[in-house]
Protein backbone atom coordinates (compact mmCIF):
# COMPACT_ATOMS: atom_id res chain seq x y z
CA MET A 1 4.74 -14.88 -7.90
CA ALA A 2 4.38 -14.72 -4.14
CA ASN A 3 2.33 -17.50 -2.57
CA VAL A 4 -0.56 -15.81 -0.79
CA THR A 5 -3.66 -17.14 0.90
CA PHE A 6 -6.89 -15.47 1.97
CA GLN A 7 -8.48 -17.17 4.98
CA GLN A 8 -6.06 -20.07 4.37
CA GLU A 9 -7.24 -20.58 0.75
CA PRO A 10 -4.69 -19.95 -2.04
CA VAL A 11 -5.41 -16.95 -4.28
CA THR A 12 -4.05 -15.89 -7.66
CA LEU A 13 -2.13 -12.62 -7.78
CA LEU A 14 -2.20 -10.78 -11.10
CA GLY A 15 0.73 -8.74 -12.34
CA ASN A 16 4.43 -8.93 -11.65
CA GLU A 17 6.04 -9.45 -8.27
CA ILE A 18 8.19 -6.50 -7.19
CA SER A 19 11.49 -7.05 -5.37
CA ALA A 20 14.05 -4.88 -3.63
CA GLY A 21 16.34 -3.39 -6.26
CA ASP A 22 13.60 -3.09 -8.90
CA LYS A 23 12.64 0.26 -10.36
CA ALA A 24 9.23 1.07 -8.86
CA PRO A 25 6.56 1.05 -11.56
CA ASP A 26 4.57 4.25 -11.93
CA PHE A 27 0.85 3.85 -11.26
CA LYS A 28 -2.38 5.80 -11.37
CA VAL A 29 -4.86 5.77 -8.48
CA LEU A 30 -7.46 8.20 -7.11
CA SER A 31 -7.21 10.43 -4.07
CA ASN A 32 -10.18 10.87 -1.73
CA ASP A 33 -11.19 13.97 -3.72
CA LEU A 34 -11.15 11.96 -6.99
CA GLN A 35 -7.90 13.46 -8.30
CA GLU A 36 -5.61 11.16 -10.22
CA VAL A 37 -2.40 10.45 -8.30
CA SER A 38 0.77 8.77 -9.52
CA LEU A 39 4.12 7.79 -8.06
CA ASP A 40 5.54 11.00 -9.59
CA ASP A 41 3.37 13.04 -7.23
CA TYR A 42 5.71 11.92 -4.45
CA LYS A 43 9.01 12.48 -6.26
CA ASP A 44 12.10 13.26 -4.19
CA LYS A 45 10.49 11.58 -1.16
CA VAL A 46 10.78 8.12 0.29
CA LYS A 47 7.48 6.29 -0.12
CA LEU A 48 6.16 3.63 2.26
CA ILE A 49 3.29 2.05 0.33
CA ALA A 50 0.91 -0.29 2.12
CA ALA A 51 -1.52 -2.28 -0.02
CA VAL A 52 -4.57 -3.50 1.90
CA PRO A 53 -7.84 -5.21 0.92
CA SER A 54 -10.14 -2.67 2.63
CA VAL A 55 -9.66 -0.06 5.36
CA ASP A 56 -13.12 -1.06 6.61
CA THR A 57 -11.86 -4.39 7.99
CA GLY A 58 -10.29 -4.85 11.42
CA VAL A 59 -6.80 -5.91 10.30
CA CYS A 60 -6.55 -3.25 7.58
CA SER A 61 -7.86 -0.62 9.97
CA ASP A 62 -5.28 -1.57 12.61
CA GLU A 63 -2.49 -1.54 10.02
CA THR A 64 -3.46 1.84 8.60
CA LYS A 65 -3.75 3.39 12.07
CA ARG A 66 -0.30 2.04 12.98
CA PHE A 67 1.30 3.41 9.80
CA ASN A 68 -0.50 6.73 10.43
CA GLU A 69 1.19 6.91 13.86
CA GLU A 70 4.58 6.01 12.40
CA ALA A 71 4.26 8.46 9.49
CA ASP A 72 4.62 11.39 11.87
CA LYS A 73 8.03 10.06 12.98
CA LEU A 74 9.52 9.42 9.52
CA ASP A 75 11.55 12.21 7.92
CA ASN A 76 11.21 12.82 4.17
CA THR A 77 8.82 9.85 3.92
CA HIS A 78 5.32 9.87 2.57
CA VAL A 79 3.11 6.98 3.69
CA LEU A 80 0.44 5.75 1.28
CA THR A 81 -2.27 3.18 1.91
CA ILE A 82 -3.81 1.84 -1.29
CA SER A 83 -6.96 -0.29 -1.45
CA MET A 84 -9.83 -1.05 -3.77
CA ASP A 85 -12.19 0.93 -1.50
CA LEU A 86 -14.07 3.80 -3.10
CA PRO A 87 -12.43 7.18 -2.43
CA PHE A 88 -15.56 8.35 -0.57
CA ALA A 89 -15.38 5.39 1.82
CA GLN A 90 -11.67 6.00 2.41
CA GLY A 91 -12.31 9.65 3.20
CA ARG A 92 -15.11 8.79 5.60
CA TRP A 93 -12.96 6.14 7.31
CA CYS A 94 -10.02 8.56 7.71
CA ALA A 95 -12.28 11.23 9.23
CA ALA A 96 -13.86 8.74 11.63
CA ASN A 97 -10.47 7.38 12.72
CA GLY A 98 -8.41 10.58 12.89
CA VAL A 99 -6.03 9.43 10.14
CA LYS A 100 -4.25 12.55 8.85
CA ASN A 101 -0.57 11.63 8.48
CA LEU A 102 -0.85 9.41 5.41
CA ASP A 103 -2.69 9.35 2.09
CA THR A 104 -5.38 6.77 1.44
CA LEU A 105 -5.65 6.12 -2.28
CA SER A 106 -8.14 4.10 -4.32
CA ASP A 107 -7.19 1.60 -7.01
CA HIS A 108 -10.87 0.83 -7.63
CA ARG A 109 -11.14 2.48 -11.05
CA ASP A 110 -8.40 0.68 -13.00
CA ALA A 111 -6.59 -1.71 -10.63
CA ASP A 112 -3.45 -0.13 -12.10
CA PHE A 113 -1.41 -0.28 -8.90
CA GLY A 114 -2.62 -3.81 -8.14
CA GLU A 115 -1.48 -5.17 -11.48
CA LYS A 116 1.81 -3.26 -11.64
CA TYR A 117 2.82 -4.34 -8.12
CA GLY A 118 1.48 -7.90 -8.36
CA VAL A 119 -1.06 -7.57 -5.55
CA LEU A 120 -4.40 -7.78 -7.40
CA ILE A 121 -6.27 -10.88 -6.18
CA LYS A 122 -7.94 -12.33 -9.27
CA GLU A 123 -10.68 -14.17 -7.38
CA LEU A 124 -11.77 -11.21 -5.25
CA ARG A 125 -10.69 -8.05 -7.15
CA LEU A 126 -9.13 -6.86 -3.90
CA LEU A 127 -5.51 -6.04 -3.17
CA ALA A 128 -3.39 -8.51 -1.24
CA ARG A 129 -1.66 -7.17 1.85
CA ALA A 130 1.83 -5.97 0.97
CA VAL A 131 4.29 -3.23 1.91
CA PHE A 132 6.80 -1.54 -0.37
CA VAL A 133 9.43 1.04 0.52
CA VAL A 134 10.55 3.11 -2.46
CA ASP A 135 13.44 5.56 -2.18
CA SER A 136 13.53 9.11 -3.53
CA SER A 137 14.90 7.89 -6.88
CA ASN A 138 12.04 5.35 -7.15
CA THR A 139 14.09 2.24 -6.46
CA VAL A 140 12.33 -0.40 -4.36
CA LYS A 141 14.27 -0.85 -1.13
CA TYR A 142 11.87 -3.24 0.61
CA ALA A 143 9.00 -5.48 -0.48
CA GLU A 144 6.84 -7.73 1.68
CA TYR A 145 3.96 -9.77 0.33
CA VAL A 146 2.16 -10.94 3.46
CA SER A 147 1.59 -14.67 2.98
CA GLU A 148 -1.85 -14.66 4.66
CA VAL A 149 -3.94 -11.63 3.70
CA THR A 150 -5.71 -11.56 7.07
CA GLU A 151 -2.42 -11.10 8.97
CA LEU A 152 -0.45 -7.90 9.63
CA PRO A 153 2.82 -7.04 7.89
CA ASP A 154 6.19 -6.80 9.63
CA PHE A 155 5.93 -3.17 10.80
CA GLU A 156 9.44 -3.01 12.24
CA LYS A 157 11.16 -4.14 9.02
CA ALA A 158 9.09 -1.77 6.86
CA ILE A 159 9.66 1.21 9.14
CA GLN A 160 13.39 0.50 9.39
CA ALA A 161 13.58 0.23 5.59
CA ALA A 162 11.89 3.62 5.28
CA LYS A 163 14.33 5.14 7.79
CA ASP A 164 17.30 3.64 5.89
CA ALA A 165 16.09 4.78 2.45
CA GLU A 166 17.12 8.13 1.02
C-alpha cells in the first residue's frame, strides 16, 4: 500500500492500491441528488477521478476548483471529485463556488470507492487525496496517491495523462 500521512502522522489505507495498467474497479457512490452512480455511468469517456477528504477544506476546495477549470478544456473527459461529504453538502459547496464542469460524488454511504481504490483512511473514515485517470475502456492510465493528505496533487501530470488517454 501507498505510504500516506495526514498532518505528518501515518495513516492506514484500506483496500487495494491501484496502479497504471490495472483494470479500474467499478464502484457505487451517490450523486448530489442521491442517485446511485457507478463507473459504468461514464463509459466510453476518459475519467479523471480526484479523491479528496472533504470539499469543505481549503486544500480540497482549491483542488476541486482547479480541476473544475481544467475540465472545460479536456475533450471526451469527465472529471469526478469523490469525497465522504454528504451529497447535500457537496451540492451546496458546488453552488457556492460556481463548480459546474465536474461531478462531485459522495462515498459516505458505503465507502465502496474508498475501499476499491485503496484510499479509505481507517483512522478517520475519510478518503486520502489521490488522482486516477481511467481511459474509455476502463484501464487505469495514471494513479497518484498524494503522500501527505494536506498537500495538492500533481495537476500537470494528471491533466497530461487525461489528455493522452483515449
